[in-house]
């Protein structure tokens, strides 16, 4: 059974060099996006950003909202039309944040995967 898990782990991470795995970086600027990883700095086009970290417009279907007594003197509903609406999702990236990055094999560019706590 242990050999099965070892083989699966090897298949999931075929890179032998630990510098080719995930790493921690820091956002040092937003315009252009700049990420520092150790002694290496990546700028703009050298960074591929995960979808959840970019500003984008999403189409959503709204829901009915129910107010609570803490926010209003009486509980009541606010009906919102059930057709689709567009919302702007703002990027959560901020200068100084620790981020999870995955250097590409050439070490000349990175994938910006997520924000770390």
PDB file of N, CA and C in Angstrom:
ATOM      1  N   UNK A   1       0.821  -1.195   0.000  1.00  0.00           N
ATOM      2  CA  UNK A   1       0.000   0.000   0.000  1.00  0.00           C
ATOM      3  C   UNK A   1       0.865   1.258   0.000  1.00  0.00           C
ATOM      4  N   UNK A   2       1.976   1.256   0.770  1.00  0.00           N
ATOM      5  CA  UNK A   2       2.859   2.414   0.812  1.00  0.00           C
ATOM      6  C   UNK A   2       3.458   2.703  -0.550  1.00  0.00           C
ATOM      7  N   UNK A   3       3.761   1.655  -1.326  1.00  0.00           N
ATOM      8  CA  UNK A   3       4.326   1.846  -2.659  1.00  0.00           C
ATOM      9  C   UNK A   3       3.333   2.544  -3.576  1.00  0.00           C
ATOM     10  N   UNK A   4       2.043   2.260  -3.387  1.00  0.00           N
ATOM     11  CA  UNK A   4       1.020   2.902  -4.201  1.00  0.00           C
ATOM     12  C   UNK A   4       1.026   4.404  -3.948  1.00  0.00           C
ATOM     13  N   UNK A   5       1.076   4.809  -2.684  1.00  0.00           N
ATOM     14  CA  UNK A   5       1.082   6.225  -2.349  1.00  0.00           C
ATOM     15  C   UNK A   5       2.378   6.897  -2.793  1.00  0.00           C
ATOM     16  N   UNK A   6       3.487   6.207  -2.684  1.00  0.00           N
ATOM     17  CA  UNK A   6       4.766   6.765  -3.129  1.00  0.00           C
ATOM     18  C   UNK A   6       4.752   6.994  -4.629  1.00  0.00           C
ATOM     19  N   UNK A   7       4.220   6.020  -5.372  1.00  0.00           N
ATOM     20  CA  UNK A   7       4.135   6.164  -6.824  1.00  0.00           C
ATOM     21  C   UNK A   7       3.221   7.301  -7.221  1.00  0.00           C
ATOM     22  N   UNK A   8       2.094   7.441  -6.523  1.00  0.00           N
ATOM     23  CA  UNK A   8       1.153   8.522  -6.807  1.00  0.00           C
ATOM     24  C   UNK A   8       1.795   9.870  -6.515  1.00  0.00           C
ATOM     25  N   UNK A   9       2.497   9.966  -5.412  1.00  0.00           N
ATOM     26  CA  UNK A   9       3.164  11.221  -5.066  1.00  0.00           C
ATOM     27  C   UNK A   9       4.215  11.574  -6.102  1.00  0.00           C
ATOM     28  N   UNK A  10       4.964  10.574  -6.558  1.00  0.00           N
ATOM     29  CA  UNK A  10       5.983  10.824  -7.582  1.00  0.00           C
ATOM     30  C   UNK A  10       5.350  11.266  -8.892  1.00  0.00           C
ATOM     31  N   UNK A  11       4.215  10.681  -9.233  1.00  0.00           N
ATOM     32  CA  UNK A  11       3.535  11.053 -10.473  1.00  0.00           C
ATOM     33  C   UNK A  11       2.979  12.468 -10.393  1.00  0.00           C
ATOM     34  N   UNK A  12       2.531  12.879  -9.218  1.00  0.00           N
ATOM     35  CA  UNK A  12       1.974  14.218  -9.040  1.00  0.00           C
ATOM     36  C   UNK A  12       3.059  15.285  -9.028  1.00  0.00           C
ATOM     37  N   UNK A  13       4.259  14.928  -8.581  1.00  0.00           N
ATOM     38  CA  UNK A  13       5.347  15.888  -8.504  1.00  0.00           C
ATOM     39  C   UNK A  13       6.593  15.288  -9.135  1.00  0.00           C
ATOM     40  N   UNK A  14       6.675  15.287 -10.460  1.00  0.00           N
ATOM     41  CA  UNK A  14       7.799  14.643 -11.126  1.00  0.00           C
ATOM     42  C   UNK A  14       9.104  15.414 -11.014  1.00  0.00           C
ATOM     43  N   UNK A  15       9.083  16.645 -10.521  1.00  0.00           N
ATOM     44  CA  UNK A  15      10.296  17.434 -10.416  1.00  0.00           C
ATOM     45  C   UNK A  15      11.132  16.969  -9.228  1.00  0.00           C
ATOM     46  N   UNK A  16      12.400  16.729  -9.459  1.00  0.00           N
ATOM     47  CA  UNK A  16      13.284  16.269  -8.398  1.00  0.00           C
ATOM     48  C   UNK A  16      13.910  17.434  -7.644  1.00  0.00           C
ATOM     49  N   UNK A  17      14.065  18.580  -8.296  1.00  0.00           N
ATOM     50  CA  UNK A  17      14.716  19.736  -7.686  1.00  0.00           C
ATOM     51  C   UNK A  17      13.691  20.495  -6.846  1.00  0.00           C
ATOM     52  N   UNK A  18      13.926  20.616  -5.527  1.00  0.00           N
ATOM     53  CA  UNK A  18      12.931  21.289  -4.680  1.00  0.00           C
ATOM     54  C   UNK A  18      12.713  22.750  -5.047  1.00  0.00           C
ATOM     55  N   UNK A  19      13.647  23.378  -5.747  1.00  0.00           N
ATOM     56  CA  UNK A  19      13.431  24.769  -6.140  1.00  0.00           C
ATOM     57  C   UNK A  19      12.399  24.877  -7.251  1.00  0.00           C
ATOM     58  N   UNK A  20      12.028  23.752  -7.847  1.00  0.00           N
ATOM     59  CA  UNK A  20      11.011  23.766  -8.896  1.00  0.00           C
ATOM     60  C   UNK A  20       9.601  23.581  -8.359  1.00  0.00           C
ATOM     61  N   UNK A  21       9.444  23.450  -7.039  1.00  0.00           N
ATOM     62  CA  UNK A  21       8.121  23.265  -6.452  1.00  0.00           C
ATOM     63  C   UNK A  21       7.508  24.596  -6.061  1.00  0.00           C
ATOM     64  N   UNK A  22       6.437  24.546  -5.274  1.00  0.00           N
ATOM     65  CA  UNK A  22       5.786  25.754  -4.794  1.00  0.00           C
ATOM     66  C   UNK A  22       6.740  26.548  -3.918  1.00  0.00           C
ATOM     67  N   UNK A  23       6.559  27.853  -3.908  1.00  0.00           N
ATOM     68  CA  UNK A  23       7.400  28.734  -3.109  1.00  0.00           C
ATOM     69  C   UNK A  23       6.537  29.869  -2.565  1.00  0.00           C
ATOM     70  N   UNK A  24       7.103  30.613  -1.645  1.00  0.00           N
ATOM     71  CA  UNK A  24       6.425  31.771  -1.070  1.00  0.00           C
ATOM     72  C   UNK A  24       7.091  33.027  -1.613  1.00  0.00           C
ATOM     73  N   UNK A  25       6.271  33.951  -2.048  1.00  0.00           N
ATOM     74  CA  UNK A  25       6.768  35.229  -2.528  1.00  0.00           C
ATOM     75  C   UNK A  25       6.028  36.360  -1.847  1.00  0.00           C
ATOM     76  N   UNK A  26       6.388  37.580  -2.179  1.00  0.00           N
ATOM     77  CA  UNK A  26       5.750  38.764  -1.613  1.00  0.00           C
ATOM     78  C   UNK A  26       5.396  39.728  -2.737  1.00  0.00           C
ATOM     79  N   UNK A  27       4.181  40.277  -2.680  1.00  0.00           N
ATOM     80  CA  UNK A  27       3.764  41.287  -3.645  1.00  0.00           C
ATOM     81  C   UNK A  27       4.443  42.586  -3.236  1.00  0.00           C
ATOM     82  N   UNK A  28       5.277  43.120  -4.126  1.00  0.00           N
ATOM     83  CA  UNK A  28       5.987  44.361  -3.795  1.00  0.00           C
ATOM     84  C   UNK A  28       5.415  45.577  -4.515  1.00  0.00           C
ATOM     85  N   UNK A  29       4.622  45.355  -5.565  1.00  0.00           N
ATOM     86  CA  UNK A  29       3.960  46.460  -6.271  1.00  0.00           C
ATOM     87  C   UNK A  29       2.784  45.889  -7.058  1.00  0.00           C
ATOM     88  N   UNK A  30       1.795  46.758  -7.339  1.00  0.00           N
ATOM     89  CA  UNK A  30       0.612  46.329  -8.090  1.00  0.00           C
ATOM     90  C   UNK A  30       0.618  46.816  -9.528  1.00  0.00           C
ATOM     91  N   UNK A  31       1.284  47.919  -9.820  1.00  0.00           N
ATOM     92  CA  UNK A  31       1.281  48.457 -11.177  1.00  0.00           C
ATOM     93  C   UNK A  31       2.697  48.854 -11.578  1.00  0.00           C
ATOM     94  N   UNK A  32       3.405  48.040 -12.313  1.00  0.00           N
ATOM     95  CA  UNK A  32       2.997  46.700 -12.745  1.00  0.00           C
ATOM     96  C   UNK A  32       3.113  45.718 -11.578  1.00  0.00           C
ATOM     97  N   UNK A  33       2.358  44.621 -11.685  1.00  0.00           N
ATOM     98  CA  UNK A  33       2.408  43.591 -10.656  1.00  0.00           C
ATOM     99  C   UNK A  33       3.839  43.095 -10.534  1.00  0.00           C
ATOM    100  N   UNK A  34       4.350  43.107  -9.308  1.00  0.00           N
ATOM    101  CA  UNK A  34       5.724  42.696  -9.037  1.00  0.00           C
ATOM    102  C   UNK A  34       5.723  41.758  -7.845  1.00  0.00           C
ATOM    103  N   UNK A  35       6.382  40.610  -8.006  1.00  0.00           N
ATOM    104  CA  UNK A  35       6.466  39.618  -6.927  1.00  0.00           C
ATOM    105  C   UNK A  35       7.938  39.306  -6.679  1.00  0.00           C
ATOM    106  N   UNK A  36       8.318  39.351  -5.411  1.00  0.00           N
ATOM    107  CA  UNK A  36       9.680  39.037  -4.984  1.00  0.00           C
ATOM    108  C   UNK A  36       9.698  37.638  -4.391  1.00  0.00           C
ATOM    109  N   UNK A  37      10.622  36.797  -4.889  1.00  0.00           N
ATOM    110  CA  UNK A  37      10.815  35.455  -4.336  1.00  0.00           C
ATOM    111  C   UNK A  37      12.303  35.302  -4.071  1.00  0.00           C
ATOM    112  N   UNK A  38      12.683  35.409  -2.812  1.00  0.00           N
ATOM    113  CA  UNK A  38      14.101  35.357  -2.479  1.00  0.00           C
ATOM    114  C   UNK A  38      14.828  36.491  -3.173  1.00  0.00           C
ATOM    115  N   UNK A  39      15.878  36.159  -3.920  1.00  0.00           N
ATOM    116  CA  UNK A  39      16.660  37.164  -4.645  1.00  0.00           C
ATOM    117  C   UNK A  39      16.081  37.488  -6.018  1.00  0.00           C
ATOM    118  N   UNK A  40      15.075  36.745  -6.437  1.00  0.00           N
ATOM    119  CA  UNK A  40      14.497  36.898  -7.774  1.00  0.00           C
ATOM    120  C   UNK A  40      13.263  37.804  -7.725  1.00  0.00           C
ATOM    121  N   UNK A  41      13.141  38.705  -8.688  1.00  0.00           N
ATOM    122  CA  UNK A  41      11.971  39.571  -8.804  1.00  0.00           C
ATOM    123  C   UNK A  41      11.306  39.313 -10.153  1.00  0.00           C
ATOM    124  N   UNK A  42       9.975  39.164 -10.131  1.00  0.00           N
ATOM    125  CA  UNK A  42       9.192  38.919 -11.343  1.00  0.00           C
ATOM    126  C   UNK A  42       8.267  40.108 -11.565  1.00  0.00           C
ATOM    127  N   UNK A  43       8.135  40.526 -12.840  1.00  0.00           N
ATOM    128  CA  UNK A  43       7.353  41.701 -13.200  1.00  0.00           C
ATOM    129  C   UNK A  43       6.329  41.367 -14.277  1.00  0.00           C
ATOM    130  N   UNK A  44       5.188  42.034 -14.220  1.00  0.00           N
ATOM    131  CA  UNK A  44       4.200  42.039 -15.294  1.00  0.00           C
ATOM    132  C   UNK A  44       3.989  40.739 -16.037  1.00  0.00           C
ATOM    133  N   UNK A  45       4.464  40.669 -17.288  1.00  0.00           N
ATOM    134  CA  UNK A  45       4.230  39.506 -18.156  1.00  0.00           C
ATOM    135  C   UNK A  45       4.945  38.244 -17.693  1.00  0.00           C
ATOM    136  N   UNK A  46       5.850  38.354 -16.753  1.00  0.00           N
ATOM    137  CA  UNK A  46       6.531  37.173 -16.220  1.00  0.00           C
ATOM    138  C   UNK A  46       5.655  36.440 -15.208  1.00  0.00           C
ATOM    139  N   UNK A  47       4.496  37.026 -14.880  1.00  0.00           N
ATOM    140  CA  UNK A  47       3.604  36.479 -13.857  1.00  0.00           C
ATOM    141  C   UNK A  47       2.276  36.093 -14.493  1.00  0.00           C
ATOM    142  N   UNK A  48       1.900  34.822 -14.358  1.00  0.00           N
ATOM    143  CA  UNK A  48       0.578  34.360 -14.763  1.00  0.00           C
ATOM    144  C   UNK A  48      -0.257  34.268 -13.488  1.00  0.00           C
ATOM    145  N   UNK A  49      -1.354  35.025 -13.439  1.00  0.00           N
ATOM    146  CA  UNK A  49      -2.144  35.157 -12.210  1.00  0.00           C
ATOM    147  C   UNK A  49      -3.375  34.259 -12.268  1.00  0.00           C
ATOM    148  N   UNK A  50      -3.625  33.535 -11.180  1.00  0.00           N
ATOM    149  CA  UNK A  50      -4.808  32.682 -11.064  1.00  0.00           C
ATOM    150  C   UNK A  50      -6.070  33.541 -11.140  1.00  0.00           C
ATOM    151  N   UNK A  51      -7.102  32.970 -11.696  1.00  0.00           N
ATOM    152  CA  UNK A  51      -8.362  33.676 -11.953  1.00  0.00           C
ATOM    153  C   UNK A  51      -8.945  34.344 -10.707  1.00  0.00           C
ATOM    154  N   UNK A  52      -8.886  33.670  -9.557  1.00  0.00           N
ATOM    155  CA  UNK A  52      -9.512  34.228  -8.354  1.00  0.00           C
ATOM    156  C   UNK A  52      -8.772  35.456  -7.830  1.00  0.00           C
ATOM    157  N   UNK A  53      -7.614  35.778  -8.409  1.00  0.00           N
ATOM    158  CA  UNK A  53      -6.831  36.913  -7.934  1.00  0.00           C
ATOM    159  C   UNK A  53      -6.881  38.123  -8.863  1.00  0.00           C
ATOM    160  N   UNK A  54      -7.627  38.019  -9.955  1.00  0.00           N
ATOM    161  CA  UNK A  54      -7.695  39.135 -10.893  1.00  0.00           C
ATOM    162  C   UNK A  54      -9.036  39.849 -10.786  1.00  0.00           C
ATOM    163  N   UNK A  55      -9.043  41.123 -11.155  1.00  0.00           N
ATOM    164  CA  UNK A  55     -10.305  41.855 -11.231  1.00  0.00           C
ATOM    165  C   UNK A  55     -11.023  41.396 -12.493  1.00  0.00           C
ATOM    166  N   UNK A  56     -12.304  41.093 -12.339  1.00  0.00           N
ATOM    167  CA  UNK A  56     -13.062  40.553 -13.464  1.00  0.00           C
ATOM    168  C   UNK A  56     -14.540  40.838 -13.269  1.00  0.00           C
ATOM    169  N   UNK A  57     -15.310  40.669 -14.329  1.00  0.00           N
ATOM    170  CA  UNK A  57     -16.762  40.803 -14.261  1.00  0.00           C
ATOM    171  C   UNK A  57     -17.356  39.403 -14.313  1.00  0.00           C
ATOM    172  N   UNK A  58     -18.247  39.121 -13.380  1.00  0.00           N
ATOM    173  CA  UNK A  58     -18.920  37.819 -13.309  1.00  0.00           C
ATOM    174  C   UNK A  58     -20.418  38.030 -13.480  1.00  0.00           C
ATOM    175  N   UNK A  59     -21.062  37.100 -14.146  1.00  0.00           N
ATOM    176  CA  UNK A  59     -22.509  37.117 -14.276  1.00  0.00           C
ATOM    177  C   UNK A  59     -23.089  36.201 -13.208  1.00  0.00           C
ATOM    178  N   UNK A  60     -24.000  36.739 -12.386  1.00  0.00           N
ATOM    179  CA  UNK A  60     -24.572  35.971 -11.271  1.00  0.00           C
ATOM    180  C   UNK A  60     -26.083  36.113 -11.264  1.00  0.00           C
ATOM    181  N   UNK A  61     -26.734  35.185 -10.594  1.00  0.00           N
ATOM    182  CA  UNK A  61     -28.170  35.268 -10.364  1.00  0.00           C
ATOM    183  C   UNK A  61     -28.375  35.706  -8.921  1.00  0.00           C
ATOM    184  N   UNK A  62     -28.998  36.863  -8.694  1.00  0.00           N
ATOM    185  CA  UNK A  62     -29.186  37.358  -7.330  1.00  0.00           C
ATOM    186  C   UNK A  62     -30.193  36.516  -6.548  1.00  0.00           C
ATOM    187  N   UNK A  63     -30.204  36.721  -5.245  1.00  0.00           N
ATOM    188  CA  UNK A  63     -31.120  36.021  -4.345  1.00  0.00           C
ATOM    189  C   UNK A  63     -31.970  37.035  -3.598  1.00  0.00           C
ATOM    190  N   UNK A  64     -32.997  36.567  -2.928  1.00  0.00           N
ATOM    191  CA  UNK A  64     -33.793  37.447  -2.066  1.00  0.00           C
ATOM    192  C   UNK A  64     -33.046  37.631  -0.751  1.00  0.00           C
ATOM    193  N   UNK A  65     -33.029  38.839  -0.261  1.00  0.00           N
ATOM    194  CA  UNK A  65     -32.318  39.138   0.977  1.00  0.00           C
ATOM    195  C   UNK A  65     -33.328  39.352   2.103  1.00  0.00           C
ATOM    196  N   UNK A  66     -33.049  38.799   3.256  1.00  0.00           N
ATOM    197  CA  UNK A  66     -33.885  38.968   4.435  1.00  0.00           C
ATOM    198  C   UNK A  66     -33.102  39.806   5.435  1.00  0.00           C
ATOM    199  N   UNK A  67     -33.671  40.918   5.866  1.00  0.00           N
ATOM    200  CA  UNK A  67     -32.976  41.747   6.849  1.00  0.00           C
ATOM    201  C   UNK A  67     -33.111  41.122   8.227  1.00  0.00           C
ATOM    202  N   UNK A  68     -32.196  41.454   9.097  1.00  0.00           N
ATOM    203  CA  UNK A  68     -32.277  40.939  10.467  1.00  0.00           C
ATOM    204  C   UNK A  68     -32.608  42.094  11.406  1.00  0.00           C
ATOM    205  N   UNK A  69     -33.159  41.800  12.567  1.00  0.00           N
ATOM    206  CA  UNK A  69     -33.530  42.866  13.512  1.00  0.00           C
ATOM    207  C   UNK A  69     -32.348  43.747  13.921  1.00  0.00           C
ATOM    208  N   UNK A  70     -31.108  43.234  13.847  1.00  0.00           N
ATOM    209  CA  UNK A  70     -29.951  44.045  14.236  1.00  0.00           C
ATOM    210  C   UNK A  70     -29.703  45.193  13.251  1.00  0.00           C
ATOM    211  N   UNK A  71     -30.142  45.048  12.007  1.00  0.00           N
ATOM    212  CA  UNK A  71     -29.872  46.073  11.009  1.00  0.00           C
ATOM    213  C   UNK A  71     -31.102  46.896  10.654  1.00  0.00           C
ATOM    214  N   UNK A  72     -32.239  46.535  11.202  1.00  0.00           N
ATOM    215  CA  UNK A  72     -33.472  47.212  10.818  1.00  0.00           C
ATOM    216  C   UNK A  72     -34.462  47.096  11.984  1.00  0.00           C
ATOM    217  N   UNK A  73     -35.431  48.004  12.055  1.00  0.00           N
ATOM    218  CA  UNK A  73     -36.404  47.955  13.144  1.00  0.00           C
ATOM    219  C   UNK A  73     -37.418  46.836  12.970  1.00  0.00           C
ATOM    220  N   UNK A  74     -37.598  46.346  11.755  1.00  0.00           N
ATOM    221  CA  UNK A  74     -38.527  45.247  11.501  1.00  0.00           C
ATOM    222  C   UNK A  74     -37.923  44.327  10.444  1.00  0.00           C
ATOM    223  N   UNK A  75     -38.200  43.053  10.578  1.00  0.00           N
ATOM    224  CA  UNK A  75     -37.690  42.096   9.610  1.00  0.00           C
ATOM    225  C   UNK A  75     -38.555  42.140   8.355  1.00  0.00           C
ATOM    226  N   UNK A  76     -37.908  42.215   7.203  1.00  0.00           N
ATOM    227  CA  UNK A  76     -38.638  42.236   5.947  1.00  0.00           C
ATOM    228  C   UNK A  76     -37.718  41.758   4.827  1.00  0.00           C
ATOM    229  N   UNK A  77     -38.306  41.438   3.693  1.00  0.00           N
ATOM    230  CA  UNK A  77     -37.536  40.901   2.568  1.00  0.00           C
ATOM    231  C   UNK A  77     -37.342  41.961   1.500  1.00  0.00           C
ATOM    232  N   UNK A  78     -36.201  41.870   0.809  1.00  0.00           N
ATOM    233  CA  UNK A  78     -35.924  42.711  -0.353  1.00  0.00           C
ATOM    234  C   UNK A  78     -35.825  41.788  -1.555  1.00  0.00           C
ATOM    235  N   UNK A  79     -36.836  41.806  -2.393  1.00  0.00           N
ATOM    236  CA  UNK A  79     -36.789  40.972  -3.589  1.00  0.00           C
ATOM    237  C   UNK A  79     -35.929  41.637  -4.649  1.00  0.00           C
ATOM    238  N   UNK A  80     -35.089  40.851  -5.242  1.00  0.00           N
ATOM    239  CA  UNK A  80     -34.222  41.306  -6.318  1.00  0.00           C
ATOM    240  C   UNK A  80     -34.636  40.524  -7.554  1.00  0.00           C
ATOM    241  N   UNK A  81     -34.721  41.161  -8.698  1.00  0.00           N
ATOM    242  CA  UNK A  81     -35.107  40.423  -9.905  1.00  0.00           C
ATOM    243  C   UNK A  81     -34.239  39.181 -10.097  1.00  0.00           C
ATOM    244  N   UNK A  82     -34.853  38.099 -10.540  1.00  0.00           N
ATOM    245  CA  UNK A  82     -34.152  36.822 -10.658  1.00  0.00           C
ATOM    246  C   UNK A  82     -33.416  36.640 -11.985  1.00  0.00           C
ATOM    247  N   UNK A  83     -33.314  37.701 -12.787  1.00  0.00           N
ATOM    248  CA  UNK A  83     -32.517  37.575 -13.997  1.00  0.00           C
ATOM    249  C   UNK A  83     -31.041  37.764 -13.624  1.00  0.00           C
ATOM    250  N   UNK A  84     -30.167  37.429 -14.529  1.00  0.00           N
ATOM    251  CA  UNK A  84     -28.733  37.528 -14.262  1.00  0.00           C
ATOM    252  C   UNK A  84     -28.286  38.989 -14.259  1.00  0.00           C
ATOM    253  N   UNK A  85     -27.356  39.275 -13.370  1.00  0.00           N
ATOM    254  CA  UNK A  85     -26.761  40.614 -13.300  1.00  0.00           C
ATOM    255  C   UNK A  85     -25.246  40.465 -13.326  1.00  0.00           C
ATOM    256  N   UNK A  86     -24.565  41.533 -13.692  1.00  0.00           N
ATOM    257  CA  UNK A  86     -23.111  41.497 -13.719  1.00  0.00           C
ATOM    258  C   UNK A  86     -22.558  42.199 -12.481  1.00  0.00           C
ATOM    259  N   UNK A  87     -21.571  41.544 -11.859  1.00  0.00           N
ATOM    260  CA  UNK A  87     -20.877  42.097 -10.702  1.00  0.00           C
ATOM    261  C   UNK A  87     -19.404  42.211 -11.025  1.00  0.00           C
ATOM    262  N   UNK A  88     -18.775  43.244 -10.507  1.00  0.00           N
ATOM    263  CA  UNK A  88     -17.327  43.366 -10.647  1.00  0.00           C
ATOM    264  C   UNK A  88     -16.693  42.745  -9.412  1.00  0.00           C
ATOM    265  N   UNK A  89     -15.829  41.773  -9.636  1.00  0.00           N
ATOM    266  CA  UNK A  89     -15.075  41.144  -8.558  1.00  0.00           C
ATOM    267  C   UNK A  89     -13.715  41.829  -8.549  1.00  0.00           C
ATOM    268  N   UNK A  90     -13.395  42.494  -7.454  1.00  0.00           N
ATOM    269  CA  UNK A  90     -12.139  43.229  -7.370  1.00  0.00           C
ATOM    270  C   UNK A  90     -11.012  42.305  -6.930  1.00  0.00           C
ATOM    271  N   UNK A  91      -9.826  42.559  -7.432  1.00  0.00           N
ATOM    272  CA  UNK A  91      -8.664  41.755  -7.077  1.00  0.00           C
ATOM    273  C   UNK A  91      -8.359  41.918  -5.588  1.00  0.00           C
ATOM    274  N   UNK A  92      -8.103  40.815  -4.889  1.00  0.00           N
ATOM    275  CA  UNK A  92      -7.748  40.911  -3.475  1.00  0.00           C
ATOM    276  C   UNK A  92      -6.263  41.174  -3.247  1.00  0.00           C
ATOM    277  N   UNK A  93      -5.468  41.262  -4.319  1.00  0.00           N
ATOM    278  CA  UNK A  93      -4.026  41.452  -4.159  1.00  0.00           C
ATOM    279  C   UNK A  93      -3.709  42.828  -3.590  1.00  0.00           C
ATOM    280  N   UNK A  94      -2.794  42.843  -2.617  1.00  0.00           N
ATOM    281  CA  UNK A  94      -2.347  44.081  -1.983  1.00  0.00           C
ATOM    282  C   UNK A  94      -0.830  44.028  -1.826  1.00  0.00           C
ATOM    283  N   UNK A  95      -0.198  45.161  -1.847  1.00  0.00           N
ATOM    284  CA  UNK A  95       1.240  45.239  -1.625  1.00  0.00           C
ATOM    285  C   UNK A  95       1.564  44.708  -0.227  1.00  0.00           C
ATOM    286  N   UNK A  96       2.620  43.903  -0.141  1.00  0.00           N
ATOM    287  CA  UNK A  96       3.056  43.351   1.135  1.00  0.00           C
ATOM    288  C   UNK A  96       2.515  41.971   1.448  1.00  0.00           C
ATOM    289  N   UNK A  97       1.572  41.473   0.655  1.00  0.00           N
ATOM    290  CA  UNK A  97       0.990  40.153   0.929  1.00  0.00           C
ATOM    291  C   UNK A  97       1.974  39.033   0.605  1.00  0.00           C
ATOM    292  N   UNK A  98       1.892  37.977   1.424  1.00  0.00           N
ATOM    293  CA  UNK A  98       2.605  36.736   1.121  1.00  0.00           C
ATOM    294  C   UNK A  98       1.746  35.962   0.138  1.00  0.00           C
ATOM    295  N   UNK A  99       2.367  35.428  -0.906  1.00  0.00           N
ATOM    296  CA  UNK A  99       1.614  34.705  -1.921  1.00  0.00           C
ATOM    297  C   UNK A  99       2.270  33.361  -2.214  1.00  0.00           C
ATOM    298  N   UNK A 100       1.439  32.414  -2.605  1.00  0.00           N
ATOM    299  CA  UNK A 100       1.900  31.097  -3.024  1.00  0.00           C
ATOM    300  C   UNK A 100       2.177  31.170  -4.513  1.00  0.00           C
ATOM    301  N   UNK A 101       3.401  30.821  -4.899  1.00  0.00           N
ATOM    302  CA  UNK A 101       3.766  30.874  -6.314  1.00  0.00           C
ATOM    303  C   UNK A 101       4.349  29.540  -6.751  1.00  0.00           C
ATOM    304  N   UNK A 102       4.263  29.307  -8.030  1.00  0.00           N
ATOM    305  CA  UNK A 102       4.833  28.111  -8.641  1.00  0.00           C
ATOM    306  C   UNK A 102       5.724  28.572  -9.789  1.00  0.00           C
ATOM    307  N   UNK A 103       7.049  28.495  -9.584  1.00  0.00           N
ATOM    308  CA  UNK A 103       7.938  28.883 -10.682  1.00  0.00           C
ATOM    309  C   UNK A 103       7.774  27.926 -11.861  1.00  0.00           C
ATOM    310  N   UNK A 104       7.789  28.473 -13.067  1.00  0.00           N
ATOM    311  CA  UNK A 104       7.746  27.627 -14.263  1.00  0.00           C
ATOM    312  C   UNK A 104       9.100  26.950 -14.417  1.00  0.00           C
ATOM    313  N   UNK A 105       9.142  25.908 -15.215  1.00  0.00           N
ATOM    314  CA  UNK A 105      10.356  25.104 -15.367  1.00  0.00           C
ATOM    315  C   UNK A 105      11.564  25.942 -15.778  1.00  0.00           C
ATOM    316  N   UNK A 106      11.343  26.993 -16.563  1.00  0.00           N
ATOM    317  CA  UNK A 106      12.472  27.813 -17.021  1.00  0.00           C
ATOM    318  C   UNK A 106      12.979  28.789 -15.954  1.00  0.00           C
ATOM    319  N   UNK A 107      12.276  28.878 -14.829  1.00  0.00           N
ATOM    320  CA  UNK A 107      12.614  29.772 -13.708  1.00  0.00           C
ATOM    321  C   UNK A 107      12.603  31.251 -14.115  1.00  0.00           C
ATOM    322  N   UNK A 108      12.118  31.565 -15.304  1.00  0.00           N
ATOM    323  CA  UNK A 108      12.076  32.944 -15.772  1.00  0.00           C
ATOM    324  C   UNK A 108      10.708  33.578 -15.575  1.00  0.00           C
ATOM    325  N   UNK A 109       9.728  32.777 -15.176  1.00  0.00           N
ATOM    326  CA  UNK A 109       8.378  33.278 -14.960  1.00  0.00           C
ATOM    327  C   UNK A 109       7.699  32.407 -13.900  1.00  0.00           C
ATOM    328  N   UNK A 110       6.569  32.888 -13.378  1.00  0.00           N
ATOM    329  CA  UNK A 110       5.881  32.186 -12.292  1.00  0.00           C
ATOM    330  C   UNK A 110       4.371  32.185 -12.512  1.00  0.00           C
ATOM    331  N   UNK A 111       3.722  31.242 -11.832  1.00  0.00           N
ATOM    332  CA  UNK A 111       2.276  31.238 -11.677  1.00  0.00           C
ATOM    333  C   UNK A 111       2.009  31.780 -10.280  1.00  0.00           C
ATOM    334  N   UNK A 112       1.169  32.788 -10.170  1.00  0.00           N
ATOM    335  CA  UNK A 112       0.736  33.310  -8.883  1.00  0.00           C
ATOM    336  C   UNK A 112      -0.550  32.573  -8.548  1.00  0.00           C
ATOM    337  N   UNK A 113      -0.488  31.691  -7.552  1.00  0.00           N
ATOM    338  CA  UNK A 113      -1.564  30.748  -7.286  1.00  0.00           C
ATOM    339  C   UNK A 113      -2.587  31.268  -6.285  1.00  0.00           C
ATOM    340  N   UNK A 114      -2.134  31.817  -5.148  1.00  0.00           N
ATOM    341  CA  UNK A 114      -3.078  32.229  -4.107  1.00  0.00           C
ATOM    342  C   UNK A 114      -2.393  33.151  -3.104  1.00  0.00           C
ATOM    343  N   UNK A 115      -3.193  33.727  -2.225  1.00  0.00           N
ATOM    344  CA  UNK A 115      -2.700  34.574  -1.145  1.00  0.00           C
ATOM    345  C   UNK A 115      -2.557  33.696   0.099  1.00  0.00           C
ATOM    346  N   UNK A 116      -1.467  33.868   0.836  1.00  0.00           N
ATOM    347  CA  UNK A 116      -1.243  33.125   2.075  1.00  0.00           C
ATOM    348  C   UNK A 116      -1.616  33.984   3.278  1.00  0.00           C
ATOM    349  N   UNK A 117      -2.055  33.339   4.353  1.00  0.00           N
ATOM    350  CA  UNK A 117      -2.394  34.114   5.552  1.00  0.00           C
ATOM    351  C   UNK A 117      -1.166  34.719   6.201  1.00  0.00           C
TER     352      UNK A 117
END
